[in-house]
Amino acid sequence: MTEIIVTIMFILISLISLNSEKSIEGSYDVEAQTMHNVNNAVHASARASSSPAVKNNFDHSNIDKTLRSVAENFMRIDTNGDGLHNCIDAAILFYQYYPDKSKVCIVLNRNPNTGMNHLFNWVSTDGVWEAIEPQAYISNHSNYLMRAVWGSQYDNSYSRNVTDDYIRYVSK
């Protein structure tokens, strides 16, 4: 009987230890990816500062700070609970972190001609709504405008404001 109890305890301790190692390994992967994203953001931000994609320096500063926050938190926060870290999370985080909600919205571009199905953000700068790729700094793009990141795949005529559909995922 004692041998059975010892065996059961050994199995339980082994399982607990194995789960701890997986948990630590998983958090390391998230932290390593986060550090990579932050490093990319720092480099992209520095390059973007020397040649801003938008003319208004105040708006560029807000976009820049928001993109850095998205890069820092992208792998840590699953905004809609789907178990993925993708354009949905990036666009929601960008909206959430952008300081002036009257100048930002969440946008869907579904283009059947190019296969694009992507969520991103519009930011109003000098009275013009600019399309911003919220994952630009994560992927080390210093020009954060959609047309610069996506090229001919992006056609603004297929874009529509879907903020009302995703606002429920924005943390207060």
N, C-alpha and C. Protein backbone atom coordinates (compact mmCIF):
# COMPACT_ATOMS: atom_id res chain seq x y z
N MET A 1 0.82 -1.19 0.00
CA MET A 1 0.00 0.00 0.00
C MET A 1 0.87 1.26 0.00
N THR A 2 1.93 1.27 0.77
CA THR A 2 2.83 2.41 0.83
C THR A 2 3.48 2.65 -0.52
N GLU A 3 3.84 1.57 -1.22
CA GLU A 3 4.45 1.72 -2.54
C GLU A 3 3.49 2.38 -3.53
N ILE A 4 2.21 2.06 -3.45
CA ILE A 4 1.21 2.65 -4.34
C ILE A 4 1.08 4.14 -4.05
N ILE A 5 1.03 4.51 -2.79
CA ILE A 5 0.92 5.92 -2.41
C ILE A 5 2.16 6.69 -2.88
N VAL A 6 3.34 6.12 -2.69
CA VAL A 6 4.58 6.76 -3.12
C VAL A 6 4.59 6.91 -4.64
N THR A 7 4.14 5.90 -5.37
CA THR A 7 4.09 5.94 -6.82
C THR A 7 3.11 7.02 -7.29
N ILE A 8 1.95 7.09 -6.68
CA ILE A 8 0.96 8.10 -7.04
C ILE A 8 1.51 9.51 -6.76
N MET A 9 2.18 9.67 -5.62
CA MET A 9 2.75 10.98 -5.29
C MET A 9 3.84 11.37 -6.30
N PHE A 10 4.66 10.39 -6.69
CA PHE A 10 5.71 10.64 -7.67
C PHE A 10 5.10 11.08 -9.01
N ILE A 11 4.05 10.42 -9.43
CA ILE A 11 3.37 10.77 -10.69
C ILE A 11 2.79 12.18 -10.59
N LEU A 12 2.13 12.48 -9.49
CA LEU A 12 1.54 13.81 -9.32
C LEU A 12 2.62 14.90 -9.33
N ILE A 13 3.70 14.67 -8.63
CA ILE A 13 4.80 15.65 -8.60
C ILE A 13 5.39 15.83 -9.99
N SER A 14 5.55 14.74 -10.72
CA SER A 14 6.07 14.82 -12.09
C SER A 14 5.15 15.64 -12.98
N LEU A 15 3.84 15.40 -12.88
CA LEU A 15 2.88 16.15 -13.70
C LEU A 15 2.89 17.63 -13.35
N ILE A 16 2.94 17.94 -12.07
CA ILE A 16 2.98 19.35 -11.65
C ILE A 16 4.25 20.00 -12.17
N SER A 17 5.38 19.31 -12.05
CA SER A 17 6.65 19.84 -12.54
C SER A 17 6.62 20.06 -14.04
N LEU A 18 6.07 19.10 -14.78
CA LEU A 18 5.98 19.21 -16.24
C LEU A 18 5.11 20.39 -16.64
N ASN A 19 3.97 20.57 -15.98
CA ASN A 19 3.09 21.70 -16.29
C ASN A 19 3.76 23.02 -15.96
N SER A 20 4.54 23.07 -14.87
CA SER A 20 5.26 24.29 -14.53
C SER A 20 6.27 24.65 -15.60
N GLU A 21 7.01 23.64 -16.08
CA GLU A 21 8.00 23.89 -17.12
C GLU A 21 7.33 24.40 -18.39
N LYS A 22 6.19 23.82 -18.77
CA LYS A 22 5.48 24.28 -19.97
C LYS A 22 5.01 25.71 -19.77
N SER A 23 4.51 26.02 -18.58
CA SER A 23 4.03 27.36 -18.31
C SER A 23 5.17 28.37 -18.39
N ILE A 24 6.31 28.02 -17.80
CA ILE A 24 7.46 28.91 -17.85
C ILE A 24 7.94 29.06 -19.29
N GLU A 25 8.00 27.95 -20.03
CA GLU A 25 8.44 27.99 -21.42
C GLU A 25 7.51 28.86 -22.25
N GLY A 26 6.19 28.72 -22.05
CA GLY A 26 5.22 29.51 -22.79
C GLY A 26 5.34 30.99 -22.50
N SER A 27 5.55 31.33 -21.21
CA SER A 27 5.69 32.74 -20.87
C SER A 27 6.99 33.30 -21.41
N TYR A 28 8.03 32.46 -21.46
CA TYR A 28 9.29 32.90 -22.04
C TYR A 28 9.10 33.23 -23.52
N ASP A 29 8.36 32.38 -24.23
CA ASP A 29 8.12 32.64 -25.65
C ASP A 29 7.39 33.97 -25.84
N VAL A 30 6.40 34.24 -25.01
CA VAL A 30 5.66 35.50 -25.10
C VAL A 30 6.58 36.66 -24.78
N GLU A 31 7.38 36.54 -23.73
CA GLU A 31 8.29 37.62 -23.36
C GLU A 31 9.37 37.83 -24.42
N ALA A 32 9.89 36.73 -24.99
CA ALA A 32 10.90 36.86 -26.04
C ALA A 32 10.31 37.54 -27.26
N GLN A 33 9.10 37.16 -27.66
CA GLN A 33 8.44 37.79 -28.80
C GLN A 33 8.13 39.25 -28.50
N THR A 34 7.72 39.52 -27.27
CA THR A 34 7.44 40.90 -26.87
C THR A 34 8.69 41.75 -26.97
N MET A 35 9.82 41.22 -26.48
CA MET A 35 11.08 41.97 -26.57
C MET A 35 11.47 42.20 -28.02
N HIS A 36 11.25 41.22 -28.86
CA HIS A 36 11.53 41.36 -30.29
C HIS A 36 10.65 42.47 -30.89
N ASN A 37 9.35 42.45 -30.56
CA ASN A 37 8.42 43.47 -31.05
C ASN A 37 8.83 44.86 -30.58
N VAL A 38 9.20 44.97 -29.30
CA VAL A 38 9.61 46.27 -28.75
C VAL A 38 10.87 46.76 -29.45
N ASN A 39 11.82 45.86 -29.67
CA ASN A 39 13.05 46.22 -30.37
C ASN A 39 12.74 46.72 -31.78
N ASN A 40 11.89 46.00 -32.50
CA ASN A 40 11.47 46.46 -33.83
C ASN A 40 10.82 47.83 -33.75
N ALA A 41 9.96 48.02 -32.74
CA ALA A 41 9.25 49.29 -32.60
C ALA A 41 10.21 50.45 -32.36
N VAL A 42 11.22 50.21 -31.54
CA VAL A 42 12.21 51.26 -31.25
C VAL A 42 12.91 51.68 -32.54
N HIS A 43 13.33 50.70 -33.33
CA HIS A 43 14.03 51.00 -34.58
C HIS A 43 13.11 51.69 -35.59
N ALA A 44 11.89 51.15 -35.74
CA ALA A 44 10.94 51.74 -36.68
C ALA A 44 10.57 53.17 -36.26
N SER A 45 10.37 53.36 -34.96
CA SER A 45 10.02 54.68 -34.44
C SER A 45 11.13 55.69 -34.72
N ALA A 46 12.37 55.28 -34.51
CA ALA A 46 13.50 56.18 -34.76
C ALA A 46 13.56 56.57 -36.24
N ARG A 47 13.36 55.60 -37.11
CA ARG A 47 13.38 55.91 -38.55
C ARG A 47 12.18 56.78 -38.93
N ALA A 48 11.02 56.49 -38.34
CA ALA A 48 9.81 57.26 -38.65
C ALA A 48 9.94 58.71 -38.20
N SER A 49 10.64 58.95 -37.12
CA SER A 49 10.80 60.31 -36.61
C SER A 49 11.58 61.20 -37.57
N SER A 50 12.50 60.60 -38.31
CA SER A 50 13.29 61.40 -39.25
C SER A 50 12.51 61.68 -40.53
N SER A 51 11.47 60.90 -40.79
CA SER A 51 10.66 61.10 -41.99
C SER A 51 9.22 60.65 -41.72
N PRO A 52 8.47 61.46 -40.95
CA PRO A 52 7.11 61.06 -40.56
C PRO A 52 6.19 60.82 -41.76
N ALA A 53 5.33 59.82 -41.64
CA ALA A 53 4.40 59.49 -42.72
C ALA A 53 3.25 60.50 -42.81
N VAL A 54 2.95 61.19 -41.71
CA VAL A 54 1.94 62.25 -41.73
C VAL A 54 2.64 63.57 -41.43
N LYS A 55 2.11 64.65 -41.98
CA LYS A 55 2.77 65.96 -41.88
C LYS A 55 2.63 66.61 -40.51
N ASN A 56 1.50 66.41 -39.87
CA ASN A 56 1.24 67.04 -38.58
C ASN A 56 2.07 66.34 -37.49
N ASN A 57 3.03 67.05 -36.92
CA ASN A 57 3.93 66.45 -35.92
C ASN A 57 3.21 65.96 -34.67
N PHE A 58 2.17 66.69 -34.25
CA PHE A 58 1.40 66.26 -33.07
C PHE A 58 0.72 64.92 -33.36
N ASP A 59 0.09 64.80 -34.52
CA ASP A 59 -0.58 63.55 -34.90
C ASP A 59 0.45 62.43 -35.06
N HIS A 60 1.59 62.74 -35.69
CA HIS A 60 2.64 61.72 -35.83
C HIS A 60 3.08 61.23 -34.45
N SER A 61 3.25 62.14 -33.52
CA SER A 61 3.68 61.77 -32.17
C SER A 61 2.66 60.82 -31.52
N ASN A 62 1.37 61.13 -31.66
CA ASN A 62 0.33 60.27 -31.10
C ASN A 62 0.33 58.89 -31.77
N ILE A 63 0.46 58.86 -33.08
CA ILE A 63 0.49 57.60 -33.82
C ILE A 63 1.72 56.80 -33.40
N ASP A 64 2.86 57.45 -33.33
CA ASP A 64 4.11 56.80 -32.95
C ASP A 64 4.01 56.17 -31.56
N LYS A 65 3.55 56.93 -30.59
CA LYS A 65 3.41 56.41 -29.22
C LYS A 65 2.43 55.24 -29.18
N THR A 66 1.34 55.36 -29.93
CA THR A 66 0.33 54.30 -29.96
C THR A 66 0.88 53.04 -30.60
N LEU A 67 1.62 53.17 -31.70
CA LEU A 67 2.22 52.00 -32.35
C LEU A 67 3.22 51.31 -31.43
N ARG A 68 3.97 52.08 -30.66
CA ARG A 68 4.92 51.48 -29.72
C ARG A 68 4.19 50.73 -28.61
N SER A 69 3.07 51.27 -28.14
CA SER A 69 2.27 50.58 -27.12
C SER A 69 1.67 49.29 -27.68
N VAL A 70 1.20 49.34 -28.91
CA VAL A 70 0.66 48.13 -29.55
C VAL A 70 1.75 47.06 -29.64
N ALA A 71 2.94 47.44 -30.09
CA ALA A 71 4.04 46.48 -30.21
C ALA A 71 4.39 45.87 -28.86
N GLU A 72 4.38 46.68 -27.83
CA GLU A 72 4.75 46.19 -26.51
C GLU A 72 3.73 45.21 -25.93
N ASN A 73 2.46 45.39 -26.25
CA ASN A 73 1.41 44.60 -25.63
C ASN A 73 0.75 43.58 -26.55
N PHE A 74 1.13 43.55 -27.80
CA PHE A 74 0.49 42.70 -28.80
C PHE A 74 0.46 41.23 -28.40
N MET A 75 1.55 40.68 -27.93
CA MET A 75 1.61 39.25 -27.58
C MET A 75 1.05 38.97 -26.18
N ARG A 76 0.83 40.00 -25.40
CA ARG A 76 0.35 39.83 -24.02
C ARG A 76 -1.16 39.88 -23.91
N ILE A 77 -1.81 40.53 -24.88
CA ILE A 77 -3.25 40.77 -24.75
C ILE A 77 -3.99 40.19 -25.95
N ASP A 78 -4.90 39.27 -25.67
CA ASP A 78 -5.80 38.72 -26.68
C ASP A 78 -7.13 39.45 -26.49
N THR A 79 -7.33 40.52 -27.21
CA THR A 79 -8.45 41.44 -26.95
C THR A 79 -9.82 40.78 -27.07
N ASN A 80 -9.97 39.87 -28.02
CA ASN A 80 -11.29 39.27 -28.26
C ASN A 80 -11.38 37.82 -27.78
N GLY A 81 -10.34 37.32 -27.12
CA GLY A 81 -10.39 35.99 -26.52
C GLY A 81 -10.44 34.83 -27.49
N ASP A 82 -9.95 35.02 -28.72
CA ASP A 82 -10.01 33.93 -29.70
C ASP A 82 -8.75 33.05 -29.70
N GLY A 83 -7.80 33.35 -28.80
CA GLY A 83 -6.59 32.56 -28.71
C GLY A 83 -5.53 32.92 -29.75
N LEU A 84 -5.78 33.92 -30.55
CA LEU A 84 -4.86 34.35 -31.59
C LEU A 84 -4.33 35.75 -31.29
N HIS A 85 -3.22 36.08 -31.92
CA HIS A 85 -2.69 37.45 -31.88
C HIS A 85 -2.56 37.87 -33.33
N ASN A 86 -3.51 38.71 -33.77
CA ASN A 86 -3.56 39.05 -35.20
C ASN A 86 -4.03 40.49 -35.39
N CYS A 87 -4.44 40.81 -36.61
CA CYS A 87 -4.84 42.18 -36.94
C CYS A 87 -6.02 42.67 -36.10
N ILE A 88 -6.87 41.76 -35.65
CA ILE A 88 -8.00 42.15 -34.80
C ILE A 88 -7.45 42.76 -33.51
N ASP A 89 -6.54 42.04 -32.87
CA ASP A 89 -5.97 42.52 -31.62
C ASP A 89 -5.22 43.83 -31.82
N ALA A 90 -4.44 43.91 -32.88
CA ALA A 90 -3.65 45.12 -33.14
C ALA A 90 -4.56 46.33 -33.36
N ALA A 91 -5.60 46.18 -34.14
CA ALA A 91 -6.50 47.30 -34.42
C ALA A 91 -7.27 47.73 -33.16
N ILE A 92 -7.69 46.77 -32.36
CA ILE A 92 -8.39 47.09 -31.12
C ILE A 92 -7.44 47.78 -30.14
N LEU A 93 -6.23 47.25 -30.00
CA LEU A 93 -5.26 47.88 -29.11
C LEU A 93 -4.92 49.30 -29.57
N PHE A 94 -4.74 49.49 -30.88
CA PHE A 94 -4.44 50.82 -31.40
C PHE A 94 -5.58 51.78 -31.02
N TYR A 95 -6.80 51.37 -31.26
CA TYR A 95 -7.96 52.21 -30.92
C TYR A 95 -7.97 52.50 -29.41
N GLN A 96 -7.73 51.47 -28.62
CA GLN A 96 -7.76 51.60 -27.17
C GLN A 96 -6.70 52.59 -26.66
N TYR A 97 -5.49 52.54 -27.22
CA TYR A 97 -4.40 53.38 -26.76
C TYR A 97 -4.38 54.77 -27.38
N TYR A 98 -5.05 54.97 -28.51
CA TYR A 98 -4.98 56.27 -29.16
C TYR A 98 -5.65 57.31 -28.27
N PRO A 99 -4.99 58.45 -28.01
CA PRO A 99 -5.47 59.38 -27.00
C PRO A 99 -6.76 60.14 -27.35
N ASP A 100 -7.10 60.30 -28.61
CA ASP A 100 -8.27 61.08 -29.00
C ASP A 100 -9.23 60.19 -29.79
N LYS A 101 -10.26 59.67 -29.09
CA LYS A 101 -11.20 58.74 -29.73
C LYS A 101 -12.00 59.38 -30.86
N SER A 102 -12.08 60.71 -30.89
CA SER A 102 -12.80 61.37 -31.99
C SER A 102 -11.99 61.36 -33.28
N LYS A 103 -10.72 60.97 -33.18
CA LYS A 103 -9.83 60.99 -34.36
C LYS A 103 -9.35 59.59 -34.76
N VAL A 104 -10.00 58.54 -34.26
CA VAL A 104 -9.56 57.18 -34.58
C VAL A 104 -10.77 56.27 -34.73
N CYS A 105 -10.66 55.31 -35.62
CA CYS A 105 -11.68 54.27 -35.75
C CYS A 105 -11.04 52.96 -36.20
N ILE A 106 -11.81 51.90 -36.07
CA ILE A 106 -11.38 50.56 -36.50
C ILE A 106 -12.00 50.29 -37.86
N VAL A 107 -11.20 49.79 -38.79
CA VAL A 107 -11.61 49.67 -40.18
C VAL A 107 -11.34 48.26 -40.69
N LEU A 108 -12.28 47.77 -41.50
CA LEU A 108 -12.12 46.48 -42.18
C LEU A 108 -11.94 46.73 -43.67
N ASN A 109 -10.95 46.05 -44.26
CA ASN A 109 -10.76 46.10 -45.70
C ASN A 109 -10.86 44.67 -46.21
N ARG A 110 -11.94 44.38 -46.93
CA ARG A 110 -12.13 43.05 -47.51
C ARG A 110 -12.18 43.23 -49.02
N ASN A 111 -11.08 42.88 -49.67
CA ASN A 111 -10.94 43.08 -51.11
C ASN A 111 -10.95 41.72 -51.81
N PRO A 112 -12.02 41.38 -52.51
CA PRO A 112 -12.11 40.07 -53.17
C PRO A 112 -11.11 39.93 -54.33
N ASN A 113 -10.67 41.04 -54.87
CA ASN A 113 -9.73 40.98 -56.00
C ASN A 113 -8.31 40.59 -55.58
N THR A 114 -7.91 41.00 -54.36
CA THR A 114 -6.55 40.71 -53.90
C THR A 114 -6.52 39.70 -52.76
N GLY A 115 -7.69 39.37 -52.23
CA GLY A 115 -7.76 38.44 -51.11
C GLY A 115 -7.52 39.09 -49.76
N MET A 116 -7.38 40.40 -49.74
CA MET A 116 -7.16 41.09 -48.48
C MET A 116 -8.41 41.03 -47.62
N ASN A 117 -8.21 40.67 -46.36
CA ASN A 117 -9.26 40.67 -45.35
C ASN A 117 -8.56 41.09 -44.07
N HIS A 118 -8.55 42.39 -43.79
CA HIS A 118 -7.64 42.93 -42.78
C HIS A 118 -8.31 44.03 -41.97
N LEU A 119 -8.03 44.01 -40.66
CA LEU A 119 -8.49 45.06 -39.77
C LEU A 119 -7.33 46.00 -39.49
N PHE A 120 -7.60 47.30 -39.52
CA PHE A 120 -6.59 48.32 -39.26
C PHE A 120 -7.29 49.54 -38.70
N ASN A 121 -6.65 50.71 -38.73
CA ASN A 121 -7.25 51.91 -38.15
C ASN A 121 -7.16 53.09 -39.10
N TRP A 122 -8.14 53.97 -38.96
CA TRP A 122 -8.08 55.27 -39.60
C TRP A 122 -7.81 56.29 -38.50
N VAL A 123 -6.95 57.26 -38.79
CA VAL A 123 -6.68 58.37 -37.87
C VAL A 123 -6.87 59.66 -38.66
N SER A 124 -7.63 60.59 -38.07
CA SER A 124 -7.84 61.88 -38.71
C SER A 124 -6.66 62.78 -38.39
N THR A 125 -6.01 63.26 -39.45
CA THR A 125 -4.89 64.17 -39.30
C THR A 125 -5.05 65.29 -40.33
N ASP A 126 -5.12 66.52 -39.85
CA ASP A 126 -5.35 67.69 -40.70
C ASP A 126 -6.60 67.53 -41.55
N GLY A 127 -7.65 66.95 -40.95
CA GLY A 127 -8.94 66.82 -41.64
C GLY A 127 -9.02 65.68 -42.64
N VAL A 128 -7.97 64.86 -42.74
CA VAL A 128 -7.95 63.73 -43.68
C VAL A 128 -7.83 62.44 -42.87
N TRP A 129 -8.64 61.45 -43.22
CA TRP A 129 -8.55 60.15 -42.56
C TRP A 129 -7.45 59.34 -43.22
N GLU A 130 -6.38 59.09 -42.47
CA GLU A 130 -5.24 58.30 -42.96
C GLU A 130 -5.38 56.86 -42.48
N ALA A 131 -5.12 55.91 -43.36
CA ALA A 131 -5.18 54.49 -43.02
C ALA A 131 -3.85 54.08 -42.39
N ILE A 132 -3.90 53.59 -41.14
CA ILE A 132 -2.72 53.24 -40.37
C ILE A 132 -2.68 51.72 -40.15
N GLU A 133 -1.54 51.12 -40.44
CA GLU A 133 -1.32 49.69 -40.17
C GLU A 133 -0.87 49.56 -38.71
N PRO A 134 -1.73 49.04 -37.83
CA PRO A 134 -1.37 48.99 -36.41
C PRO A 134 -0.25 47.99 -36.07
N GLN A 135 0.09 47.11 -37.02
CA GLN A 135 1.19 46.17 -36.81
C GLN A 135 2.49 46.64 -37.47
N ALA A 136 2.51 47.87 -37.96
CA ALA A 136 3.67 48.36 -38.71
C ALA A 136 4.96 48.27 -37.90
N TYR A 137 4.96 48.77 -36.68
CA TYR A 137 6.18 48.76 -35.89
C TYR A 137 6.55 47.35 -35.45
N ILE A 138 5.57 46.50 -35.24
CA ILE A 138 5.85 45.10 -34.88
C ILE A 138 6.69 44.45 -35.98
N SER A 139 6.34 44.75 -37.22
CA SER A 139 7.06 44.15 -38.36
C SER A 139 8.19 45.05 -38.87
N ASN A 140 8.54 46.08 -38.08
CA ASN A 140 9.69 46.95 -38.34
C ASN A 140 9.51 47.85 -39.57
N HIS A 141 8.27 48.24 -39.87
CA HIS A 141 8.00 49.21 -40.94
C HIS A 141 7.98 50.60 -40.33
N SER A 142 8.80 51.50 -40.82
CA SER A 142 8.80 52.85 -40.28
C SER A 142 7.71 53.71 -40.90
N ASN A 143 7.27 53.37 -42.12
CA ASN A 143 6.13 54.07 -42.72
C ASN A 143 4.90 53.24 -42.38
N TYR A 144 4.07 53.77 -41.50
CA TYR A 144 2.94 53.04 -40.95
C TYR A 144 1.65 53.18 -41.76
N LEU A 145 1.70 53.86 -42.89
CA LEU A 145 0.50 53.99 -43.71
C LEU A 145 0.20 52.67 -44.43
N MET A 146 -1.07 52.34 -44.53
CA MET A 146 -1.48 51.07 -45.13
C MET A 146 -0.91 50.89 -46.53
N ARG A 147 -0.97 51.93 -47.35
CA ARG A 147 -0.50 51.79 -48.74
C ARG A 147 1.01 51.52 -48.80
N ALA A 148 1.75 52.02 -47.80
CA ALA A 148 3.20 51.77 -47.77
C ALA A 148 3.50 50.33 -47.32
N VAL A 149 2.71 49.81 -46.40
CA VAL A 149 2.94 48.46 -45.89
C VAL A 149 2.40 47.39 -46.84
N TRP A 150 1.21 47.63 -47.39
CA TRP A 150 0.53 46.60 -48.18
C TRP A 150 0.63 46.78 -49.68
N GLY A 151 1.03 47.96 -50.13
CA GLY A 151 1.17 48.18 -51.58
C GLY A 151 -0.14 48.00 -52.32
N SER A 152 -0.07 47.32 -53.46
CA SER A 152 -1.25 47.18 -54.34
C SER A 152 -2.32 46.24 -53.79
N GLN A 153 -2.01 45.47 -52.74
CA GLN A 153 -3.04 44.62 -52.13
C GLN A 153 -4.12 45.48 -51.48
N TYR A 154 -3.72 46.67 -51.03
CA TYR A 154 -4.65 47.55 -50.32
C TYR A 154 -5.33 48.50 -51.29
N ASP A 155 -6.65 48.47 -51.28
CA ASP A 155 -7.47 49.39 -52.08
C ASP A 155 -8.49 50.00 -51.12
N ASN A 156 -8.32 51.29 -50.83
CA ASN A 156 -9.15 51.97 -49.85
C ASN A 156 -10.65 51.91 -50.17
N SER A 157 -11.02 51.72 -51.41
CA SER A 157 -12.44 51.70 -51.76
C SER A 157 -13.16 50.50 -51.13
N TYR A 158 -12.42 49.50 -50.64
CA TYR A 158 -13.04 48.34 -49.99
C TYR A 158 -13.05 48.48 -48.46
N SER A 159 -12.66 49.64 -47.96
CA SER A 159 -12.59 49.86 -46.51
C SER A 159 -13.91 50.36 -45.97
N ARG A 160 -14.24 49.90 -44.75
CA ARG A 160 -15.43 50.42 -44.07
C ARG A 160 -15.20 50.48 -42.57
N ASN A 161 -15.77 51.47 -41.95
CA ASN A 161 -15.65 51.68 -40.52
C ASN A 161 -16.46 50.60 -39.78
N VAL A 162 -15.77 49.81 -38.93
CA VAL A 162 -16.43 48.75 -38.17
C VAL A 162 -16.22 48.94 -36.67
N THR A 163 -15.94 50.17 -36.27
CA THR A 163 -15.69 50.45 -34.85
C THR A 163 -16.83 49.92 -33.98
N ASP A 164 -18.06 50.14 -34.38
CA ASP A 164 -19.21 49.71 -33.57
C ASP A 164 -19.24 48.19 -33.39
N ASP A 165 -18.70 47.44 -34.34
CA ASP A 165 -18.67 45.98 -34.24
C ASP A 165 -17.61 45.48 -33.26
N TYR A 166 -16.56 46.27 -33.03
CA TYR A 166 -15.44 45.83 -32.20
C TYR A 166 -15.26 46.59 -30.90
N ILE A 167 -16.05 47.62 -30.69
CA ILE A 167 -15.90 48.48 -29.50
C ILE A 167 -16.05 47.68 -28.21
N ARG A 168 -16.82 46.60 -28.25
CA ARG A 168 -17.05 45.79 -27.04
C ARG A 168 -15.76 45.15 -26.51
N TYR A 169 -14.73 45.04 -27.37
CA TYR A 169 -13.47 44.42 -26.96
C TYR A 169 -12.46 45.44 -26.41
N VAL A 170 -12.79 46.71 -26.49
CA VAL A 170 -11.89 47.76 -26.01
C VAL A 170 -11.98 47.84 -24.50
N SER A 171 -10.85 47.72 -23.81
CA SER A 171 -10.82 47.85 -22.35
C SER A 171 -10.96 49.31 -21.98
N LYS A 172 -11.67 49.54 -20.95
CA LYS A 172 -11.87 50.92 -20.49
C LYS A 172 -10.71 51.39 -19.67
